[in-house]
PDB file of N, CA and C in Angstrom:
ATOM      1  N   MET A   1      -0.914   4.197  79.688  1.00  0.00           N
ATOM      2  CA  MET A   1      -0.974   5.103  78.854  1.00  0.00           C
ATOM      3  C   MET A   1       0.273   5.650  77.714  1.00  0.00           C
ATOM      4  N   LYS A   2       0.205   5.833  76.936  1.00  0.00           N
ATOM      5  CA  LYS A   2       1.320   6.919  76.093  1.00  0.00           C
ATOM      6  C   LYS A   2       1.299   7.882  75.645  1.00  0.00           C
ATOM      7  N   VAL A   3       2.611   8.835  76.580  1.00  0.00           N
ATOM      8  CA  VAL A   3       2.816   9.708  76.768  1.00  0.00           C
ATOM      9  C   VAL A   3       3.631  10.259  75.674  1.00  0.00           C
ATOM     10  N   LEU A   4       3.435  11.876  74.655  1.00  0.00           N
ATOM     11  CA  LEU A   4       4.408  11.977  73.979  1.00  0.00           C
ATOM     12  C   LEU A   4       4.942  13.404  74.303  1.00  0.00           C
ATOM     13  N   VAL A   5       6.038  13.838  74.709  1.00  0.00           N
ATOM     14  CA  VAL A   5       6.392  14.797  75.523  1.00  0.00           C
ATOM     15  C   VAL A   5       7.368  15.716  74.430  1.00  0.00           C
ATOM     16  N   ILE A   6       6.744  16.872  73.523  1.00  0.00           N
ATOM     17  CA  ILE A   6       7.506  17.544  72.501  1.00  0.00           C
ATOM     18  C   ILE A   6       8.427  18.691  72.918  1.00  0.00           C
ATOM     19  N   ALA A   7       9.630  18.285  72.563  1.00  0.00           N
ATOM     20  CA  ALA A   7      10.285  19.647  73.209  1.00  0.00           C
ATOM     21  C   ALA A   7      11.117  20.146  72.580  1.00  0.00           C
ATOM     22  N   PRO A   8      10.751  21.776  72.052  1.00  0.00           N
ATOM     23  CA  PRO A   8      11.691  22.411  71.063  1.00  0.00           C
ATOM     24  C   PRO A   8      13.334  22.065  71.140  1.00  0.00           C
ATOM     25  N   HIS A   9      14.018  22.430  72.432  1.00  0.00           N
ATOM     26  CA  HIS A   9      15.452  21.807  72.659  1.00  0.00           C
ATOM     27  C   HIS A   9      15.326  21.265  73.184  1.00  0.00           C
ATOM     28  N   MET A  10      16.944  20.431  73.190  1.00  0.00           N
ATOM     29  CA  MET A  10      17.688  20.062  74.565  1.00  0.00           C
ATOM     30  C   MET A  10      17.072  20.574  75.506  1.00  0.00           C
ATOM     31  N   ASP A  11      17.021  20.076  76.878  1.00  0.00           N
ATOM     32  CA  ASP A  11      17.016  20.693  78.231  1.00  0.00           C
ATOM     33  C   ASP A  11      15.596  21.378  78.510  1.00  0.00           C
ATOM     34  N   ASP A  12      14.475  21.539  77.797  1.00  0.00           N
ATOM     35  CA  ASP A  12      13.382  22.055  77.790  1.00  0.00           C
ATOM     36  C   ASP A  12      12.039  20.952  78.184  1.00  0.00           C
ATOM     37  N   GLU A  13      12.366  19.617  77.705  1.00  0.00           N
ATOM     38  CA  GLU A  13      11.869  18.502  78.444  1.00  0.00           C
ATOM     39  C   GLU A  13      12.003  18.337  79.865  1.00  0.00           C
ATOM     40  N   VAL A  14      13.064  18.729  80.602  1.00  0.00           N
ATOM     41  CA  VAL A  14      13.147  18.631  81.738  1.00  0.00           C
ATOM     42  C   VAL A  14      13.153  19.641  82.494  1.00  0.00           C
ATOM     43  N   LEU A  15      12.880  21.154  81.866  1.00  0.00           N
ATOM     44  CA  LEU A  15      12.969  22.451  82.619  1.00  0.00           C
ATOM     45  C   LEU A  15      11.420  22.424  82.363  1.00  0.00           C
ATOM     46  N   GLY A  16      10.764  22.187  81.352  1.00  0.00           N
ATOM     47  CA  GLY A  16       9.183  22.611  81.377  1.00  0.00           C
ATOM     48  C   GLY A  16       8.451  21.255  82.068  1.00  0.00           C
ATOM     49  N   CYS A  17       8.728  20.193  81.869  1.00  0.00           N
ATOM     50  CA  CYS A  17       7.911  19.208  82.457  1.00  0.00           C
ATOM     51  C   CYS A  17       8.672  17.805  83.192  1.00  0.00           C
ATOM     52  N   GLY A  18       9.870  17.937  83.202  1.00  0.00           N
ATOM     53  CA  GLY A  18      10.238  16.931  84.040  1.00  0.00           C
ATOM     54  C   GLY A  18       9.570  16.159  85.384  1.00  0.00           C
ATOM     55  N   GLY A  19       8.865  17.144  85.981  1.00  0.00           N
ATOM     56  CA  GLY A  19       8.028  16.627  87.193  1.00  0.00           C
ATOM     57  C   GLY A  19       6.763  15.441  86.462  1.00  0.00           C
ATOM     58  N   THR A  20       6.210  15.950  85.714  1.00  0.00           N
ATOM     59  CA  THR A  20       5.384  15.543  84.558  1.00  0.00           C
ATOM     60  C   THR A  20       5.625  13.807  84.282  1.00  0.00           C
ATOM     61  N   ILE A  21       6.913  14.393  83.644  1.00  0.00           N
ATOM     62  CA  ILE A  21       7.585  13.331  83.146  1.00  0.00           C
ATOM     63  C   ILE A  21       7.646  11.808  84.214  1.00  0.00           C
ATOM     64  N   ILE A  22       7.919  12.390  85.227  1.00  0.00           N
ATOM     65  CA  ILE A  22       8.257  11.841  86.447  1.00  0.00           C
ATOM     66  C   ILE A  22       7.157  10.661  87.255  1.00  0.00           C
ATOM     67  N   ARG A  23       6.105  11.576  87.208  1.00  0.00           N
ATOM     68  CA  ARG A  23       4.769  11.113  87.220  1.00  0.00           C
ATOM     69  C   ARG A  23       4.043  10.402  86.333  1.00  0.00           C
ATOM     70  N   HIS A  24       4.527  10.431  85.317  1.00  0.00           N
ATOM     71  CA  HIS A  24       3.850   9.679  84.478  1.00  0.00           C
ATOM     72  C   HIS A  24       4.523   8.040  84.524  1.00  0.00           C
ATOM     73  N   VAL A  25       5.833   8.376  84.781  1.00  0.00           N
ATOM     74  CA  VAL A  25       7.067   6.865  84.603  1.00  0.00           C
ATOM     75  C   VAL A  25       6.593   6.131  85.947  1.00  0.00           C
ATOM     76  N   ASP A  26       6.387   7.212  87.009  1.00  0.00           N
ATOM     77  CA  ASP A  26       6.053   6.294  88.641  1.00  0.00           C
ATOM     78  C   ASP A  26       4.544   5.175  88.307  1.00  0.00           C
ATOM     79  N   SER A  27       3.990   6.276  87.483  1.00  0.00           N
ATOM     80  CA  SER A  27       2.291   5.372  87.086  1.00  0.00           C
ATOM     81  C   SER A  27       2.747   4.185  86.321  1.00  0.00           C
ATOM     82  N   GLY A  28       3.458   4.133  85.671  1.00  0.00           N
ATOM     83  CA  GLY A  28       3.706   2.920  84.438  1.00  0.00           C
ATOM     84  C   GLY A  28       3.157   3.249  83.273  1.00  0.00           C
ATOM     85  N   ASP A  29       3.477   4.595  83.026  1.00  0.00           N
ATOM     86  CA  ASP A  29       3.239   5.093  81.426  1.00  0.00           C
ATOM     87  C   ASP A  29       4.394   4.908  80.815  1.00  0.00           C
ATOM     88  N   GLN A  30       4.256   4.502  79.464  1.00  0.00           N
ATOM     89  CA  GLN A  30       5.369   4.658  78.302  1.00  0.00           C
ATOM     90  C   GLN A  30       5.169   6.231  77.978  1.00  0.00           C
ATOM     91  N   VAL A  31       6.754   6.518  78.388  1.00  0.00           N
ATOM     92  CA  VAL A  31       6.927   7.705  77.931  1.00  0.00           C
ATOM     93  C   VAL A  31       7.905   8.263  76.816  1.00  0.00           C
ATOM     94  N   THR A  32       7.574   8.971  75.608  1.00  0.00           N
ATOM     95  CA  THR A  32       8.379   9.091  74.692  1.00  0.00           C
ATOM     96  C   THR A  32       8.987  10.528  74.615  1.00  0.00           C
ATOM     97  N   VAL A  33      10.056  10.719  74.164  1.00  0.00           N
ATOM     98  CA  VAL A  33      10.611  12.453  74.725  1.00  0.00           C
ATOM     99  C   VAL A  33      11.268  12.535  73.047  1.00  0.00           C
ATOM    100  N   CYS A  34      10.617  13.757  72.083  1.00  0.00           N
ATOM    101  CA  CYS A  34      11.068  14.156  71.025  1.00  0.00           C
ATOM    102  C   CYS A  34      11.377  15.493  71.204  1.00  0.00           C
ATOM    103  N   ILE A  35      12.491  15.578  70.767  1.00  0.00           N
ATOM    104  CA  ILE A  35      13.353  17.163  70.498  1.00  0.00           C
ATOM    105  C   ILE A  35      13.578  16.802  69.388  1.00  0.00           C
ATOM    106  N   VAL A  36      12.886  18.667  69.169  1.00  0.00           N
ATOM    107  CA  VAL A  36      12.724  18.907  67.832  1.00  0.00           C
ATOM    108  C   VAL A  36      13.927  19.376  67.334  1.00  0.00           C
ATOM    109  N   ALA A  37      14.446  20.497  67.644  1.00  0.00           N
ATOM    110  CA  ALA A  37      15.843  21.172  67.298  1.00  0.00           C
ATOM    111  C   ALA A  37      16.948  21.134  67.623  1.00  0.00           C
ATOM    112  N   ASN A  38      18.086  21.470  67.099  1.00  0.00           N
ATOM    113  CA  ASN A  38      19.284  21.721  67.317  1.00  0.00           C
ATOM    114  C   ASN A  38      19.623  23.324  67.746  1.00  0.00           C
ATOM    115  N   ARG A  39      20.013  23.545  69.008  1.00  0.00           N
ATOM    116  CA  ARG A  39      19.909  24.960  69.733  1.00  0.00           C
ATOM    117  C   ARG A  39      21.173  25.599  68.628  1.00  0.00           C
ATOM    118  N   ALA A  40      21.379  26.576  68.124  1.00  0.00           N
ATOM    119  CA  ALA A  40      22.072  27.515  67.571  1.00  0.00           C
ATOM    120  C   ALA A  40      22.788  28.525  68.211  1.00  0.00           C
ATOM    121  N   TYR A  41      23.992  28.532  68.465  1.00  0.00           N
ATOM    122  CA  TYR A  41      24.620  29.557  69.254  1.00  0.00           C
ATOM    123  C   TYR A  41      25.010  30.609  68.762  1.00  0.00           C
ATOM    124  N   ASP A  42      24.872  31.976  68.825  1.00  0.00           N
ATOM    125  CA  ASP A  42      25.147  33.042  67.908  1.00  0.00           C
ATOM    126  C   ASP A  42      24.913  32.784  66.529  1.00  0.00           C
ATOM    127  N   HIS A  43      23.793  32.016  66.076  1.00  0.00           N
ATOM    128  CA  HIS A  43      23.504  31.913  64.767  1.00  0.00           C
ATOM    129  C   HIS A  43      24.075  30.843  63.956  1.00  0.00           C
ATOM    130  N   LYS A  44      24.589  30.064  64.784  1.00  0.00           N
ATOM    131  CA  LYS A  44      25.947  29.088  64.197  1.00  0.00           C
ATOM    132  C   LYS A  44      25.557  27.515  65.049  1.00  0.00           C
ATOM    133  N   TYR A  45      25.606  26.368  64.005  1.00  0.00           N
ATOM    134  CA  TYR A  45      25.721  25.575  64.479  1.00  0.00           C
ATOM    135  C   TYR A  45      26.984  24.793  64.907  1.00  0.00           C
ATOM    136  N   GLU A  46      27.281  24.809  66.250  1.00  0.00           N
ATOM    137  CA  GLU A  46      28.477  24.079  66.526  1.00  0.00           C
ATOM    138  C   GLU A  46      28.129  22.554  67.023  1.00  0.00           C
ATOM    139  N   LEU A  47      29.066  21.918  66.168  1.00  0.00           N
ATOM    140  CA  LEU A  47      28.592  19.994  66.553  1.00  0.00           C
ATOM    141  C   LEU A  47      28.639  19.956  67.737  1.00  0.00           C
ATOM    142  N   ASN A  48      29.718  20.519  67.946  1.00  0.00           N
ATOM    143  CA  ASN A  48      30.339  19.902  69.630  1.00  0.00           C
ATOM    144  C   ASN A  48      29.735  20.131  70.646  1.00  0.00           C
ATOM    145  N   LEU A  49      29.146  21.216  70.531  1.00  0.00           N
ATOM    146  CA  LEU A  49      27.953  21.665  71.477  1.00  0.00           C
ATOM    147  C   LEU A  49      26.538  20.916  71.667  1.00  0.00           C
ATOM    148  N   ILE A  50      26.304  20.578  69.994  1.00  0.00           N
ATOM    149  CA  ILE A  50      24.936  19.581  69.916  1.00  0.00           C
ATOM    150  C   ILE A  50      25.238  18.197  70.539  1.00  0.00           C
ATOM    151  N   GLU A  51      26.561  17.411  70.442  1.00  0.00           N
ATOM    152  CA  GLU A  51      26.998  16.182  70.720  1.00  0.00           C
ATOM    153  C   GLU A  51      26.777  16.509  72.377  1.00  0.00           C
ATOM    154  N   GLN A  52      27.013  17.583  73.211  1.00  0.00           N
ATOM    155  CA  GLN A  52      27.539  17.823  74.762  1.00  0.00           C
ATOM    156  C   GLN A  52      25.792  17.881  75.122  1.00  0.00           C
ATOM    157  N   GLU A  53      25.087  18.658  74.330  1.00  0.00           N
ATOM    158  CA  GLU A  53      24.000  18.965  74.989  1.00  0.00           C
ATOM    159  C   GLU A  53      22.878  17.454  74.709  1.00  0.00           C
ATOM    160  N   LYS A  54      23.175  16.664  73.490  1.00  0.00           N
ATOM    161  CA  LYS A  54      22.777  15.457  73.273  1.00  0.00           C
ATOM    162  C   LYS A  54      23.496  14.164  74.578  1.00  0.00           C
ATOM    163  N   ASP A  55      24.487  14.258  75.075  1.00  0.00           N
ATOM    164  CA  ASP A  55      24.735  13.415  75.886  1.00  0.00           C
ATOM    165  C   ASP A  55      23.940  13.755  77.292  1.00  0.00           C
ATOM    166  N   CYS A  56      23.808  14.835  77.311  1.00  0.00           N
ATOM    167  CA  CYS A  56      22.865  15.521  78.331  1.00  0.00           C
ATOM    168  C   CYS A  56      21.627  15.112  78.678  1.00  0.00           C
ATOM    169  N   CYS A  57      21.401  15.004  77.684  1.00  0.00           N
ATOM    170  CA  CYS A  57      19.884  14.441  77.451  1.00  0.00           C
ATOM    171  C   CYS A  57      19.660  13.207  77.523  1.00  0.00           C
ATOM    172  N   LYS A  58      20.771  12.442  77.322  1.00  0.00           N
ATOM    173  CA  LYS A  58      20.650  11.088  77.555  1.00  0.00           C
ATOM    174  C   LYS A  58      20.709  10.984  78.733  1.00  0.00           C
ATOM    175  N   LYS A  59      21.257  11.711  79.491  1.00  0.00           N
ATOM    176  CA  LYS A  59      21.862  11.520  80.892  1.00  0.00           C
ATOM    177  C   LYS A  59      20.407  11.348  81.901  1.00  0.00           C
ATOM    178  N   ALA A  60      19.480  12.599  81.454  1.00  0.00           N
ATOM    179  CA  ALA A  60      18.672  13.451  81.919  1.00  0.00           C
ATOM    180  C   ALA A  60      17.492  11.802  81.614  1.00  0.00           C
ATOM    181  N   LYS A  61      17.509  11.315  80.697  1.00  0.00           N
ATOM    182  CA  LYS A  61      16.574  10.388  80.318  1.00  0.00           C
ATOM    183  C   LYS A  61      17.037   9.258  81.489  1.00  0.00           C
ATOM    184  N   GLN A  62      18.111   8.884  81.698  1.00  0.00           N
ATOM    185  CA  GLN A  62      18.626   7.962  82.384  1.00  0.00           C
ATOM    186  C   GLN A  62      17.952   8.125  83.848  1.00  0.00           C
ATOM    187  N   ILE A  63      18.130   9.073  84.136  1.00  0.00           N
ATOM    188  CA  ILE A  63      18.017   9.357  85.865  1.00  0.00           C
ATOM    189  C   ILE A  63      16.140   9.689  85.656  1.00  0.00           C
ATOM    190  N   LEU A  64      15.328  10.428  84.846  1.00  0.00           N
ATOM    191  CA  LEU A  64      14.098  10.249  84.592  1.00  0.00           C
ATOM    192  C   LEU A  64      13.349   8.845  84.789  1.00  0.00           C
ATOM    193  N   SER A  65      14.181   7.637  84.007  1.00  0.00           N
ATOM    194  CA  SER A  65      13.498   6.590  83.734  1.00  0.00           C
ATOM    195  C   SER A  65      12.707   6.303  82.361  1.00  0.00           C
ATOM    196  N   TYR A  66      12.447   7.145  81.405  1.00  0.00           N
ATOM    197  CA  TYR A  66      11.600   7.177  80.452  1.00  0.00           C
ATOM    198  C   TYR A  66      12.106   6.074  79.278  1.00  0.00           C
ATOM    199  N   GLN A  67      11.024   6.025  78.773  1.00  0.00           N
ATOM    200  CA  GLN A  67      11.318   4.963  77.380  1.00  0.00           C
ATOM    201  C   GLN A  67      12.325   5.336  76.310  1.00  0.00           C
ATOM    202  N   ASP A  68      11.760   6.212  75.890  1.00  0.00           N
ATOM    203  CA  ASP A  68      12.022   6.477  74.035  1.00  0.00           C
ATOM    204  C   ASP A  68      12.770   8.127  74.375  1.00  0.00           C
ATOM    205  N   LEU A  69      13.792   8.136  73.143  1.00  0.00           N
ATOM    206  CA  LEU A  69      14.325   9.503  73.142  1.00  0.00           C
ATOM    207  C   LEU A  69      14.503   9.686  71.602  1.00  0.00           C
ATOM    208  N   ILE A  70      13.904  10.590  71.502  1.00  0.00           N
ATOM    209  CA  ILE A  70      13.885  11.373  69.464  1.00  0.00           C
ATOM    210  C   ILE A  70      14.444  12.059  69.610  1.00  0.00           C
ATOM    211  N   PHE A  71      15.510  12.412  68.654  1.00  0.00           N
ATOM    212  CA  PHE A  71      16.302  13.697  68.045  1.00  0.00           C
ATOM    213  C   PHE A  71      15.723  13.923  66.860  1.00  0.00           C
ATOM    214  N   LEU A  72      14.543  14.962  66.491  1.00  0.00           N
ATOM    215  CA  LEU A  72      14.561  15.091  64.717  1.00  0.00           C
ATOM    216  C   LEU A  72      15.943  16.006  64.082  1.00  0.00           C
ATOM    217  N   ASP A  73      16.840  16.947  65.048  1.00  0.00           N
ATOM    218  CA  ASP A  73      17.752  17.065  64.454  1.00  0.00           C
ATOM    219  C   ASP A  73      17.602  18.442  63.198  1.00  0.00           C
ATOM    220  N   LEU A  74      16.440  19.143  63.708  1.00  0.00           N
ATOM    221  CA  LEU A  74      15.981  19.863  63.001  1.00  0.00           C
ATOM    222  C   LEU A  74      16.737  21.407  63.199  1.00  0.00           C
ATOM    223  N   PRO A  75      16.955  22.523  62.048  1.00  0.00           N
ATOM    224  CA  PRO A  75      17.681  23.569  62.327  1.00  0.00           C
ATOM    225  C   PRO A  75      16.826  24.764  63.433  1.00  0.00           C
ATOM    226  N   ASP A  76      17.287  24.812  64.379  1.00  0.00           N
ATOM    227  CA  ASP A  76      16.523  25.757  65.242  1.00  0.00           C
ATOM    228  C   ASP A  76      16.161  27.255  64.874  1.00  0.00           C
ATOM    229  N   GLU A  77      16.500  27.578  63.734  1.00  0.00           N
ATOM    230  CA  GLU A  77      16.176  29.145  63.526  1.00  0.00           C
ATOM    231  C   GLU A  77      15.085  29.193  62.314  1.00  0.00           C
ATOM    232  N   LYS A  78      15.052  27.944  61.970  1.00  0.00           N
ATOM    233  CA  LYS A  78      14.625  27.720  60.669  1.00  0.00           C
ATOM    234  C   LYS A  78      13.076  26.888  60.622  1.00  0.00           C
ATOM    235  N   LEU A  79      12.458  26.623  61.843  1.00  0.00           N
ATOM    236  CA  LEU A  79      11.599  25.930  62.587  1.00  0.00           C
ATOM    237  C   LEU A  79      10.010  25.856  61.493  1.00  0.00           C
ATOM    238  N   ASP A  80      10.146  27.592  61.427  1.00  0.00           N
ATOM    239  CA  ASP A  80       8.729  28.037  60.613  1.00  0.00           C
ATOM    240  C   ASP A  80       8.779  27.562  59.075  1.00  0.00           C
ATOM    241  N   GLN A  81       9.749  27.065  58.573  1.00  0.00           N
ATOM    242  CA  GLN A  81       9.612  26.789  57.014  1.00  0.00           C
ATOM    243  C   GLN A  81      10.045  25.457  57.190  1.00  0.00           C
ATOM    244  N   SER A  82      10.100  24.458  58.011  1.00  0.00           N
ATOM    245  CA  SER A  82      10.440  23.024  57.734  1.00  0.00           C
ATOM    246  C   SER A  82       9.308  22.321  58.757  1.00  0.00           C
ATOM    247  N   GLN A  83       8.025  22.845  58.925  1.00  0.00           N
ATOM    248  CA  GLN A  83       6.873  22.025  59.689  1.00  0.00           C
ATOM    249  C   GLN A  83       6.498  20.901  59.184  1.00  0.00           C
ATOM    250  N   ILE A  84       6.382  20.474  57.895  1.00  0.00           N
ATOM    251  CA  ILE A  84       6.187  19.225  57.706  1.00  0.00           C
ATOM    252  C   ILE A  84       7.278  18.413  58.219  1.00  0.00           C
ATOM    253  N   ASP A  85       8.529  18.625  58.107  1.00  0.00           N
ATOM    254  CA  ASP A  85       9.630  17.948  58.370  1.00  0.00           C
ATOM    255  C   ASP A  85       9.311  17.448  60.175  1.00  0.00           C
ATOM    256  N   ILE A  86       8.365  18.156  61.227  1.00  0.00           N
ATOM    257  CA  ILE A  86       8.151  18.020  62.150  1.00  0.00           C
ATOM    258  C   ILE A  86       7.249  16.995  62.368  1.00  0.00           C
ATOM    259  N   ILE A  87       6.030  17.467  61.509  1.00  0.00           N
ATOM    260  CA  ILE A  87       4.862  16.730  61.709  1.00  0.00           C
ATOM    261  C   ILE A  87       4.984  15.152  61.281  1.00  0.00           C
ATOM    262  N   ILE A  88       5.938  14.664  60.026  1.00  0.00           N
ATOM    263  CA  ILE A  88       5.948  13.279  59.279  1.00  0.00           C
ATOM    264  C   ILE A  88       6.511  12.603  60.620  1.00  0.00           C
ATOM    265  N   PRO A  89       7.784  12.809  61.162  1.00  0.00           N
ATOM    266  CA  PRO A  89       8.042  11.870  62.099  1.00  0.00           C
ATOM    267  C   PRO A  89       7.272  11.448  63.138  1.00  0.00           C
ATOM    268  N   LEU A  90       6.637  12.638  63.418  1.00  0.00           N
ATOM    269  CA  LEU A  90       5.635  12.288  64.733  1.00  0.00           C
ATOM    270  C   LEU A  90       4.194  11.392  64.548  1.00  0.00           C
TER     271      LEU A  90
END
């Protein structure tokens, strides 16, 4: 089975459904995680913090052993304006 996990921010995939991801991986399913947005801190995008979060997300991928990780890199506070940017890549 193919499983697509869509998470709004980095860490939401683990906090929201990490156990479900592990269950699917253990069952032999192909799991892909898609992170939609980069988190804004105090309404600002700090590239060093975004890169740190991406590194943590990649480490979580290794720990959970799922196959694919996709970053859409959309702006966090403008998702209501860019729905087409979310739908097309998926």
